[in-house]
Amino acid sequence: VATAWVVAVHEFPGRRFFAWALILPLAMPAYVMAYAYTDFLQFSGPVQ
């Protein structure tokens, strides 16, 4: 709701880009995202 409201109602830098780019996560299966964040955030990952 927050992203939809600011994109639909306000003009700000990058608005036209975000209008379509915010739906890109639909292309990323949830289990693929789980694999990525596990590698990124686990004990042996780069963040920790």
All heavy atoms as atom14 arrays in JSON, in Angstrom:
{
  "sequence": "VATAWVVAVHEFPGRRFFAWALILPLAMPAYVMAYAYTDFLQFSGPVQ",
  "atom14_mask": [
    [1, 1, 1, 1, 1, 1, 1, 0, 0, 0, 0, 0, 0, 0],
    [1, 1, 1, 1, 1, 0, 0, 0, 0, 0, 0, 0, 0, 0],
    [1, 1, 1, 1, 1, 1, 1, 0, 0, 0, 0, 0, 0, 0],
    [1, 1, 1, 1, 1, 0, 0, 0, 0, 0, 0, 0, 0, 0],
    [1, 1, 1, 1, 1, 1, 1, 1, 1, 1, 1, 1, 1, 1],
    [1, 1, 1, 1, 1, 1, 1, 0, 0, 0, 0, 0, 0, 0],
    [1, 1, 1, 1, 1, 1, 1, 0, 0, 0, 0, 0, 0, 0],
    [1, 1, 1, 1, 1, 0, 0, 0, 0, 0, 0, 0, 0, 0],
    [1, 1, 1, 1, 1, 1, 1, 0, 0, 0, 0, 0, 0, 0],
    [1, 1, 1, 1, 1, 1, 1, 1, 1, 1, 0, 0, 0, 0],
    [1, 1, 1, 1, 1, 1, 1, 1, 1, 0, 0, 0, 0, 0],
    [1, 1, 1, 1, 1, 1, 1, 1, 1, 1, 1, 0, 0, 0],
    [1, 1, 1, 1, 1, 1, 1, 0, 0, 0, 0, 0, 0, 0],
    [1, 1, 1, 1, 0, 0, 0, 0, 0, 0, 0, 0, 0, 0],
    [1, 1, 1, 1, 1, 1, 1, 1, 1, 1, 1, 0, 0, 0],
    [1, 1, 1, 1, 1, 1, 1, 1, 1, 1, 1, 0, 0, 0],
    [1, 1, 1, 1, 1, 1, 1, 1, 1, 1, 1, 0, 0, 0],
    [1, 1, 1, 1, 1, 1, 1, 1, 1, 1, 1, 0, 0, 0],
    [1, 1, 1, 1, 1, 0, 0, 0, 0, 0, 0, 0, 0, 0],
    [1, 1, 1, 1, 1, 1, 1, 1, 1, 1, 1, 1, 1, 1],
    [1, 1, 1, 1, 1, 0, 0, 0, 0, 0, 0, 0, 0, 0],
    [1, 1, 1, 1, 1, 1, 1, 1, 0, 0, 0, 0, 0, 0],
    [1, 1, 1, 1, 1, 1, 1, 1, 0, 0, 0, 0, 0, 0],
    [1, 1, 1, 1, 1, 1, 1, 1, 0, 0, 0, 0, 0, 0],
    [1, 1, 1, 1, 1, 1, 1, 0, 0, 0, 0, 0, 0, 0],
    [1, 1, 1, 1, 1, 1, 1, 1, 0, 0, 0, 0, 0, 0],
    [1, 1, 1, 1, 1, 0, 0, 0, 0, 0, 0, 0, 0, 0],
    [1, 1, 1, 1, 1, 1, 1, 1, 0, 0, 0, 0, 0, 0],
    [1, 1, 1, 1, 1, 1, 1, 0, 0, 0, 0, 0, 0, 0],
    [1, 1, 1, 1, 1, 0, 0, 0, 0, 0, 0, 0, 0, 0],
    [1, 1, 1, 1, 1, 1, 1, 1, 1, 1, 1, 1, 0, 0],
    [1, 1, 1, 1, 1, 1, 1, 0, 0, 0, 0, 0, 0, 0],
    [1, 1, 1, 1, 1, 1, 1, 1, 0, 0, 0, 0, 0, 0],
    [1, 1, 1, 1, 1, 0, 0, 0, 0, 0, 0, 0, 0, 0],
    [1, 1, 1, 1, 1, 1, 1, 1, 1, 1, 1, 1, 0, 0],
    [1, 1, 1, 1, 1, 0, 0, 0, 0, 0, 0, 0, 0, 0],
    [1, 1, 1, 1, 1, 1, 1, 1, 1, 1, 1, 1, 0, 0],
    [1, 1, 1, 1, 1, 1, 1, 0, 0, 0, 0, 0, 0, 0],
    [1, 1, 1, 1, 1, 1, 1, 1, 0, 0, 0, 0, 0, 0],
    [1, 1, 1, 1, 1, 1, 1, 1, 1, 1, 1, 0, 0, 0],
    [1, 1, 1, 1, 1, 1, 1, 1, 0, 0, 0, 0, 0, 0],
    [1, 1, 1, 1, 1, 1, 1, 1, 1, 0, 0, 0, 0, 0],
    [1, 1, 1, 1, 1, 1, 1, 1, 1, 1, 1, 0, 0, 0],
    [1, 1, 1, 1, 1, 1, 0, 0, 0, 0, 0, 0, 0, 0],
    [1, 1, 1, 1, 0, 0, 0, 0, 0, 0, 0, 0, 0, 0],
    [1, 1, 1, 1, 1, 1, 1, 0, 0, 0, 0, 0, 0, 0],
    [1, 1, 1, 1, 1, 1, 1, 0, 0, 0, 0, 0, 0, 0],
    [1, 1, 1, 1, 1, 1, 1, 1, 1, 0, 0, 0, 0, 0]
  ],
  "atom14_positions": [
    [[0.83, -1.2, 0.0], [0.0, 0.0, 0.0], [0.87, 1.26, 0.0], [0.58, 2.23, -0.72], [-0.95, -0.02, 1.21], [-1.67, 1.31, 1.35], [-1.96, -1.14, 1.08], [0.0, 0.0, 0.0], [0.0, 0.0, 0.0], [0.0, 0.0, 0.0], [0.0, 0.0, 0.0], [0.0, 0.0, 0.0], [0.0, 0.0, 0.0], [0.0, 0.0, 0.0]],
    [[1.95, 1.27, 0.78], [2.8, 2.46, 0.84], [3.44, 2.76, -0.52], [3.42, 3.91, -0.99], [3.88, 2.28, 1.91], [0.0, 0.0, 0.0], [0.0, 0.0, 0.0], [0.0, 0.0, 0.0], [0.0, 0.0, 0.0], [0.0, 0.0, 0.0], [0.0, 0.0, 0.0], [0.0, 0.0, 0.0], [0.0, 0.0, 0.0], [0.0, 0.0, 0.0]],
    [[4.02, 1.75, -1.15], [4.65, 1.98, -2.46], [3.61, 2.34, -3.51], [3.86, 3.2, -4.37], [5.44, 0.74, -2.89], [4.6, -0.42, -2.82], [6.65, 0.53, -2.0], [0.0, 0.0, 0.0], [0.0, 0.0, 0.0], [0.0, 0.0, 0.0], [0.0, 0.0, 0.0], [0.0, 0.0, 0.0], [0.0, 0.0, 0.0], [0.0, 0.0, 0.0]],
    [[2.45, 1.69, -3.47], [1.41, 2.0, -4.44], [0.93, 3.44, -4.29], [0.7, 4.14, -5.29], [0.23, 1.04, -4.27], [0.0, 0.0, 0.0], [0.0, 0.0, 0.0], [0.0, 0.0, 0.0], [0.0, 0.0, 0.0], [0.0, 0.0, 0.0], [0.0, 0.0, 0.0], [0.0, 0.0, 0.0], [0.0, 0.0, 0.0], [0.0, 0.0, 0.0]],
    [[0.8, 3.92, -3.05], [0.3, 5.27, -2.83], [1.29, 6.32, -3.33], [0.9, 7.25, -4.04], [0.03, 5.47, -1.33], [-0.39, 6.86, -0.97], [0.33, 7.8, -0.3], [-1.64, 7.49, -1.29], [-0.38, 8.96, -0.16], [-1.6, 8.79, -0.77], [-2.78, 7.07, -1.95], [-2.65, 9.69, -0.89], [-3.84, 7.96, -2.09], [-3.76, 9.24, -1.56]],
    [[2.57, 6.18, -2.99], [3.52, 7.22, -3.41], [3.73, 7.19, -4.92], [3.89, 8.25, -5.54], [4.86, 7.04, -2.66], [4.68, 7.25, -1.17], [5.5, 5.7, -2.94], [0.0, 0.0, 0.0], [0.0, 0.0, 0.0], [0.0, 0.0, 0.0], [0.0, 0.0, 0.0], [0.0, 0.0, 0.0], [0.0, 0.0, 0.0], [0.0, 0.0, 0.0]],
    [[3.71, 6.03, -5.54], [3.9, 5.96, -6.99], [2.67, 6.5, -7.72], [2.79, 7.17, -8.76], [4.21, 4.51, -7.43], [4.13, 4.37, -8.95], [5.59, 4.1, -6.95], [0.0, 0.0, 0.0], [0.0, 0.0, 0.0], [0.0, 0.0, 0.0], [0.0, 0.0, 0.0], [0.0, 0.0, 0.0], [0.0, 0.0, 0.0], [0.0, 0.0, 0.0]],
    [[1.48, 6.23, -7.2], [0.26, 6.66, -7.88], [-0.05, 8.14, -7.67], [-0.66, 8.77, -8.54], [-0.93, 5.82, -7.4], [0.0, 0.0, 0.0], [0.0, 0.0, 0.0], [0.0, 0.0, 0.0], [0.0, 0.0, 0.0], [0.0, 0.0, 0.0], [0.0, 0.0, 0.0], [0.0, 0.0, 0.0], [0.0, 0.0, 0.0], [0.0, 0.0, 0.0]],
    [[0.35, 8.71, -6.56], [-0.13, 10.04, -6.17], [0.95, 11.12, -6.25], [0.62, 12.28, -6.47], [-0.72, 9.97, -4.74], [-1.14, 11.34, -4.25], [-1.9, 9.01, -4.71], [0.0, 0.0, 0.0], [0.0, 0.0, 0.0], [0.0, 0.0, 0.0], [0.0, 0.0, 0.0], [0.0, 0.0, 0.0], [0.0, 0.0, 0.0], [0.0, 0.0, 0.0]],
    [[2.23, 10.73, -6.12], [3.27, 11.74, -6.02], [4.26, 11.65, -7.19], [4.41, 10.6, -7.81], [4.03, 11.6, -4.69], [3.18, 11.82, -3.49], [2.58, 10.79, -2.79], [2.82, 12.97, -2.85], [1.88, 11.29, -1.79], [2.01, 12.61, -1.79], [0.0, 0.0, 0.0], [0.0, 0.0, 0.0], [0.0, 0.0, 0.0], [0.0, 0.0, 0.0]],
    [[4.92, 12.76, -7.43], [5.98, 12.83, -8.44], [7.31, 13.01, -7.7], [7.46, 13.93, -6.91], [5.73, 14.02, -9.38], [6.72, 14.09, -10.53], [6.56, 12.93, -11.49], [5.42, 12.67, -11.92], [7.58, 12.28, -11.81], [0.0, 0.0, 0.0], [0.0, 0.0, 0.0], [0.0, 0.0, 0.0], [0.0, 0.0, 0.0], [0.0, 0.0, 0.0]],
    [[8.26, 12.12, -7.94], [9.55, 12.15, -7.26], [10.59, 11.53, -8.19], [10.24, 10.86, -9.18], [9.49, 11.41, -5.92], [9.04, 9.97, -6.04], [9.95, 8.94, -6.18], [7.69, 9.66, -6.01], [9.54, 7.63, -6.3], [7.26, 8.34, -6.12], [8.19, 7.33, -6.26], [0.0, 0.0, 0.0], [0.0, 0.0, 0.0], [0.0, 0.0, 0.0]],
    [[11.87, 11.7, -7.92], [12.9, 11.15, -8.8], [12.81, 9.62, -8.91], [12.79, 8.93, -7.9], [14.21, 11.58, -8.12], [13.86, 12.78, -7.33], [12.44, 12.57, -6.87], [0.0, 0.0, 0.0], [0.0, 0.0, 0.0], [0.0, 0.0, 0.0], [0.0, 0.0, 0.0], [0.0, 0.0, 0.0], [0.0, 0.0, 0.0], [0.0, 0.0, 0.0]],
    [[12.72, 9.13, -10.13], [12.64, 7.69, -10.36], [11.24, 7.12, -10.35], [11.07, 5.9, -10.4], [0.0, 0.0, 0.0], [0.0, 0.0, 0.0], [0.0, 0.0, 0.0], [0.0, 0.0, 0.0], [0.0, 0.0, 0.0], [0.0, 0.0, 0.0], [0.0, 0.0, 0.0], [0.0, 0.0, 0.0], [0.0, 0.0, 0.0], [0.0, 0.0, 0.0]],
    [[10.21, 7.98, -10.31], [8.84, 7.47, -10.19], [8.47, 6.56, -11.36], [7.88, 5.49, -11.15], [7.86, 8.64, -10.11], [6.4, 8.24, -10.17], [5.48, 9.45, -10.1], [4.1, 9.06, -10.29], [3.49, 9.04, -11.46], [4.15, 9.38, -12.57], [2.23, 8.68, -11.57], [0.0, 0.0, 0.0], [0.0, 0.0, 0.0], [0.0, 0.0, 0.0]],
    [[8.79, 6.95, -12.58], [8.42, 6.14, -13.75], [9.14, 4.8, -13.72], [8.58, 3.78, -14.14], [8.74, 6.9, -15.03], [7.87, 8.13, -15.25], [8.18, 8.8, -16.58], [7.35, 9.97, -16.79], [6.12, 9.93, -17.27], [5.58, 8.78, -17.61], [5.42, 11.05, -17.41], [0.0, 0.0, 0.0], [0.0, 0.0, 0.0], [0.0, 0.0, 0.0]],
    [[10.36, 4.79, -13.24], [11.1, 3.52, -13.12], [10.46, 2.62, -12.08], [10.22, 1.43, -12.32], [12.55, 3.81, -12.76], [13.33, 2.6, -12.32], [13.75, 1.65, -13.24], [13.62, 2.39, -10.98], [14.46, 0.53, -12.83], [14.32, 1.29, -10.56], [14.75, 0.34, -11.49], [0.0, 0.0, 0.0], [0.0, 0.0, 0.0], [0.0, 0.0, 0.0]],
    [[10.16, 3.15, -10.92], [9.58, 2.33, -9.85], [8.18, 1.85, -10.19], [7.74, 0.81, -9.7], [9.55, 3.12, -8.54], [10.91, 3.31, -7.92], [11.43, 4.58, -7.78], [11.65, 2.23, -7.5], [12.68, 4.78, -7.22], [12.91, 2.4, -6.93], [13.42, 3.68, -6.8], [0.0, 0.0, 0.0], [0.0, 0.0, 0.0], [0.0, 0.0, 0.0]],
    [[7.47, 2.59, -11.04], [6.1, 2.2, -11.39], [6.06, 0.78, -11.95], [5.12, 0.02, -11.67], [5.51, 3.19, -12.39], [0.0, 0.0, 0.0], [0.0, 0.0, 0.0], [0.0, 0.0, 0.0], [0.0, 0.0, 0.0], [0.0, 0.0, 0.0], [0.0, 0.0, 0.0], [0.0, 0.0, 0.0], [0.0, 0.0, 0.0], [0.0, 0.0, 0.0]],
    [[7.07, 0.39, -12.75], [7.09, -0.98, -13.28], [8.11, -1.86, -12.57], [7.91, -3.08, -12.46], [7.39, -0.96, -14.79], [8.76, -0.45, -15.16], [9.1, 0.81, -15.48], [9.95, -1.23, -15.23], [10.45, 0.9, -15.74], [11.0, -0.35, -15.61], [10.25, -2.57, -15.02], [12.31, -0.77, -15.77], [11.56, -2.99, -15.18], [12.58, -2.11, -15.56]],
    [[9.2, -1.29, -12.07], [10.25, -2.11, -11.47], [9.83, -2.75, -10.15], [10.37, -3.79, -9.76], [11.51, -1.26, -11.25], [0.0, 0.0, 0.0], [0.0, 0.0, 0.0], [0.0, 0.0, 0.0], [0.0, 0.0, 0.0], [0.0, 0.0, 0.0], [0.0, 0.0, 0.0], [0.0, 0.0, 0.0], [0.0, 0.0, 0.0], [0.0, 0.0, 0.0]],
    [[8.87, -2.14, -9.45], [8.46, -2.69, -8.16], [7.75, -4.04, -8.29], [7.52, -4.71, -7.27], [7.55, -1.69, -7.43], [8.28, -0.54, -6.74], [7.3, 0.54, -6.3], [9.07, -1.06, -5.54], [0.0, 0.0, 0.0], [0.0, 0.0, 0.0], [0.0, 0.0, 0.0], [0.0, 0.0, 0.0], [0.0, 0.0, 0.0], [0.0, 0.0, 0.0]],
    [[7.39, -4.46, -9.5], [6.78, -5.78, -9.65], [7.81, -6.84, -10.05], [7.45, -8.01, -10.23], [5.64, -5.76, -10.69], [6.18, -5.52, -12.1], [4.6, -4.73, -10.33], [5.11, -5.64, -13.16], [0.0, 0.0, 0.0], [0.0, 0.0, 0.0], [0.0, 0.0, 0.0], [0.0, 0.0, 0.0], [0.0, 0.0, 0.0], [0.0, 0.0, 0.0]],
    [[9.09, -6.49, -10.14], [10.12, -7.45, -10.52], [10.24, -8.64, -9.56], [10.58, -9.73, -10.0], [11.47, -6.76, -10.66], [11.66, -5.89, -11.9], [13.02, -5.2, -11.87], [11.52, -6.72, -13.16], [0.0, 0.0, 0.0], [0.0, 0.0, 0.0], [0.0, 0.0, 0.0], [0.0, 0.0, 0.0], [0.0, 0.0, 0.0], [0.0, 0.0, 0.0]],
    [[9.99, -8.48, -8.25], [10.07, -9.67, -7.38], [9.13, -10.8, -7.78], [9.33, -11.94, -7.33], [9.7, -9.1, -6.0], [10.16, -7.69, -6.06], [9.89, -7.24, -7.45], [0.0, 0.0, 0.0], [0.0, 0.0, 0.0], [0.0, 0.0, 0.0], [0.0, 0.0, 0.0], [0.0, 0.0, 0.0], [0.0, 0.0, 0.0], [0.0, 0.0, 0.0]],
    [[8.1, -10.54, -8.6], [7.25, -11.62, -9.07], [8.03, -12.64, -9.88], [7.61, -13.8, -9.99], [6.1, -11.07, -9.92], [5.0, -10.29, -9.18], [3.99, -9.76, -10.19], [4.33, -11.16, -8.14], [0.0, 0.0, 0.0], [0.0, 0.0, 0.0], [0.0, 0.0, 0.0], [0.0, 0.0, 0.0], [0.0, 0.0, 0.0], [0.0, 0.0, 0.0]],
    [[9.15, -12.24, -10.47], [9.97, -13.16, -11.26], [10.88, -14.02, -10.39], [11.5, -14.96, -10.9], [10.81, -12.38, -12.26], [0.0, 0.0, 0.0], [0.0, 0.0, 0.0], [0.0, 0.0, 0.0], [0.0, 0.0, 0.0], [0.0, 0.0, 0.0], [0.0, 0.0, 0.0], [0.0, 0.0, 0.0], [0.0, 0.0, 0.0], [0.0, 0.0, 0.0]],
    [[11.0, -13.71, -9.11], [11.92, -14.4, -8.21], [11.13, -15.37, -7.34], [10.41, -14.97, -6.43], [12.63, -13.38, -7.33], [13.65, -13.96, -6.37], [15.2, -14.43, -7.14], [15.81, -12.86, -7.75], [0.0, 0.0, 0.0], [0.0, 0.0, 0.0], [0.0, 0.0, 0.0], [0.0, 0.0, 0.0], [0.0, 0.0, 0.0], [0.0, 0.0, 0.0]],
    [[11.22, -16.7, -7.6], [10.52, -17.65, -6.72], [10.97, -17.5, -5.27], [12.14, -17.2, -5.0], [10.92, -19.02, -7.31], [11.32, -18.74, -8.72], [11.92, -17.37, -8.7], [0.0, 0.0, 0.0], [0.0, 0.0, 0.0], [0.0, 0.0, 0.0], [0.0, 0.0, 0.0], [0.0, 0.0, 0.0], [0.0, 0.0, 0.0], [0.0, 0.0, 0.0]],
    [[10.05, -17.73, -4.36], [10.37, -17.53, -2.94], [11.48, -18.47, -2.49], [12.33, -18.08, -1.67], [9.11, -17.75, -2.1], [0.0, 0.0, 0.0], [0.0, 0.0, 0.0], [0.0, 0.0, 0.0], [0.0, 0.0, 0.0], [0.0, 0.0, 0.0], [0.0, 0.0, 0.0], [0.0, 0.0, 0.0], [0.0, 0.0, 0.0], [0.0, 0.0, 0.0]],
    [[11.51, -19.69, -3.01], [12.55, -20.62, -2.57], [13.93, -20.19, -3.08], [14.94, -20.43, -2.42], [12.23, -22.06, -2.96], [11.91, -22.3, -4.42], [12.9, -22.5, -5.35], [10.59, -22.36, -4.85], [12.61, -22.75, -6.68], [10.28, -22.61, -6.18], [11.29, -22.8, -7.09], [10.99, -23.04, -8.41], [0.0, 0.0, 0.0], [0.0, 0.0, 0.0]],
    [[14.0, -19.56, -4.26], [15.28, -19.03, -4.75], [15.74, -17.89, -3.84], [16.93, -17.78, -3.5], [15.14, -18.56, -6.21], [16.42, -17.85, -6.67], [14.84, -19.74, -7.12], [0.0, 0.0, 0.0], [0.0, 0.0, 0.0], [0.0, 0.0, 0.0], [0.0, 0.0, 0.0], [0.0, 0.0, 0.0], [0.0, 0.0, 0.0], [0.0, 0.0, 0.0]],
    [[14.83, -17.02, -3.43], [15.17, -15.95, -2.51], [15.66, -16.51, -1.17], [16.59, -15.97, -0.56], [13.96, -15.04, -2.29], [14.29, -13.68, -1.74], [12.82, -12.63, -1.56], [12.35, -12.47, -3.29], [0.0, 0.0, 0.0], [0.0, 0.0, 0.0], [0.0, 0.0, 0.0], [0.0, 0.0, 0.0], [0.0, 0.0, 0.0], [0.0, 0.0, 0.0]],
    [[15.06, -17.61, -0.74], [15.5, -18.24, 0.51], [16.94, -18.75, 0.39], [17.74, -18.59, 1.32], [14.56, -19.39, 0.87], [0.0, 0.0, 0.0], [0.0, 0.0, 0.0], [0.0, 0.0, 0.0], [0.0, 0.0, 0.0], [0.0, 0.0, 0.0], [0.0, 0.0, 0.0], [0.0, 0.0, 0.0], [0.0, 0.0, 0.0], [0.0, 0.0, 0.0]],
    [[17.28, -19.36, -0.75], [18.65, -19.82, -0.94], [19.62, -18.64, -0.9], [20.69, -18.71, -0.27], [18.81, -20.53, -2.3], [17.83, -21.64, -2.57], [17.53, -22.0, -3.88], [17.19, -22.32, -1.54], [16.63, -23.01, -4.17], [16.28, -23.32, -1.81], [16.0, -23.66, -3.13], [15.1, -24.66, -3.4], [0.0, 0.0, 0.0], [0.0, 0.0, 0.0]],
    [[19.27, -17.55, -1.56], [20.16, -16.39, -1.64], [20.4, -15.78, -0.27], [21.54, -15.52, 0.12], [19.58, -15.36, -2.6], [0.0, 0.0, 0.0], [0.0, 0.0, 0.0], [0.0, 0.0, 0.0], [0.0, 0.0, 0.0], [0.0, 0.0, 0.0], [0.0, 0.0, 0.0], [0.0, 0.0, 0.0], [0.0, 0.0, 0.0], [0.0, 0.0, 0.0]],
    [[19.34, -15.56, 0.49], [19.5, -14.9, 1.78], [20.16, -15.82, 2.81], [20.83, -15.33, 3.72], [18.15, -14.4, 2.29], [17.77, -13.08, 1.69], [16.59, -12.92, 0.97], [18.6, -11.98, 1.82], [16.25, -11.7, 0.41], [18.27, -10.76, 1.27], [17.1, -10.63, 0.56], [16.79, -9.42, 0.0], [0.0, 0.0, 0.0], [0.0, 0.0, 0.0]],
    [[19.99, -17.12, 2.66], [20.7, -18.03, 3.56], [22.2, -17.92, 3.35], [22.98, -17.82, 4.3], [20.23, -19.47, 3.33], [18.84, -19.56, 3.64], [21.0, -20.43, 4.23], [0.0, 0.0, 0.0], [0.0, 0.0, 0.0], [0.0, 0.0, 0.0], [0.0, 0.0, 0.0], [0.0, 0.0, 0.0], [0.0, 0.0, 0.0], [0.0, 0.0, 0.0]],
    [[22.64, -17.93, 2.08], [24.07, -17.78, 1.8], [24.58, -16.42, 2.28], [25.72, -16.31, 2.75], [24.31, -17.94, 0.3], [25.76, -17.71, -0.08], [26.58, -18.64, 0.13], [26.09, -16.62, -0.57], [0.0, 0.0, 0.0], [0.0, 0.0, 0.0], [0.0, 0.0, 0.0], [0.0, 0.0, 0.0], [0.0, 0.0, 0.0], [0.0, 0.0, 0.0]],
    [[23.77, -15.41, 2.2], [24.19, -14.05, 2.52], [24.24, -13.79, 4.03], [25.12, -13.06, 4.51], [23.23, -13.06, 1.85], [23.72, -11.64, 1.83], [24.91, -11.3, 1.23], [22.96, -10.64, 2.42], [25.35, -9.98, 1.2], [23.39, -9.33, 2.41], [24.59, -8.99, 1.8], [0.0, 0.0, 0.0], [0.0, 0.0, 0.0], [0.0, 0.0, 0.0]],
    [[23.3, -14.39, 4.78], [23.13, -14.04, 6.19], [23.5, -15.14, 7.17], [23.46, -14.9, 8.38], [21.68, -13.61, 6.45], [21.18, -12.38, 5.68], [19.69, -12.17, 5.93], [21.97, -11.14, 6.06], [0.0, 0.0, 0.0], [0.0, 0.0, 0.0], [0.0, 0.0, 0.0], [0.0, 0.0, 0.0], [0.0, 0.0, 0.0], [0.0, 0.0, 0.0]],
    [[23.85, -16.33, 6.71], [24.17, -17.41, 7.64], [25.54, -17.16, 8.31], [26.25, -16.22, 7.98], [24.18, -18.74, 6.92], [25.23, -18.88, 5.86], [25.11, -20.19, 5.11], [24.43, -21.11, 5.54], [25.79, -20.29, 3.98], [0.0, 0.0, 0.0], [0.0, 0.0, 0.0], [0.0, 0.0, 0.0], [0.0, 0.0, 0.0], [0.0, 0.0, 0.0]],
    [[25.89, -18.04, 9.25], [27.1, -17.85, 10.06], [28.35, -17.72, 9.18], [29.23, -16.89, 9.44], [27.27, -19.01, 11.03], [28.49, -18.9, 11.9], [28.47, -18.11, 13.04], [29.66, -19.57, 11.57], [29.6, -18.0, 13.84], [30.79, -19.46, 12.36], [30.76, -18.68, 13.5], [0.0, 0.0, 0.0], [0.0, 0.0, 0.0], [0.0, 0.0, 0.0]],
    [[28.42, -18.54, 8.13], [29.6, -18.5, 7.25], [29.45, -17.53, 6.1], [30.31, -17.48, 5.22], [29.87, -19.91, 6.68], [28.73, -20.38, 5.97], [0.0, 0.0, 0.0], [0.0, 0.0, 0.0], [0.0, 0.0, 0.0], [0.0, 0.0, 0.0], [0.0, 0.0, 0.0], [0.0, 0.0, 0.0], [0.0, 0.0, 0.0], [0.0, 0.0, 0.0]],
    [[28.37, -16.75, 6.06], [28.14, -15.83, 4.97], [28.94, -14.55, 5.09], [29.59, -14.27, 6.12], [0.0, 0.0, 0.0], [0.0, 0.0, 0.0], [0.0, 0.0, 0.0], [0.0, 0.0, 0.0], [0.0, 0.0, 0.0], [0.0, 0.0, 0.0], [0.0, 0.0, 0.0], [0.0, 0.0, 0.0], [0.0, 0.0, 0.0], [0.0, 0.0, 0.0]],
    [[28.9, -13.73, 4.05], [29.72, -12.51, 4.05], [29.31, -11.47, 5.09], [30.16, -10.74, 5.6], [29.53, -11.97, 2.63], [28.26, -12.58, 2.13], [28.17, -13.92, 2.79], [0.0, 0.0, 0.0], [0.0, 0.0, 0.0], [0.0, 0.0, 0.0], [0.0, 0.0, 0.0], [0.0, 0.0, 0.0], [0.0, 0.0, 0.0], [0.0, 0.0, 0.0]],
    [[28.02, -11.38, 5.44], [27.58, -10.36, 6.39], [28.11, -10.65, 7.78], [28.76, -9.8, 8.42], [26.04, -10.25, 6.39], [25.58, -9.31, 7.5], [25.54, -9.76, 5.05], [0.0, 0.0, 0.0], [0.0, 0.0, 0.0], [0.0, 0.0, 0.0], [0.0, 0.0, 0.0], [0.0, 0.0, 0.0], [0.0, 0.0, 0.0], [0.0, 0.0, 0.0]],
    [[27.85, -11.86, 8.29], [28.34, -12.19, 9.63], [29.86, -12.25, 9.67], [30.49, -11.9, 10.67], [27.74, -13.52, 10.09], [26.25, -13.46, 10.39], [25.82, -14.56, 11.34], [26.42, -14.75, 12.39], [24.76, -15.27, 10.96], [0.0, 0.0, 0.0], [0.0, 0.0, 0.0], [0.0, 0.0, 0.0], [0.0, 0.0, 0.0], [0.0, 0.0, 0.0]]
  ]
}
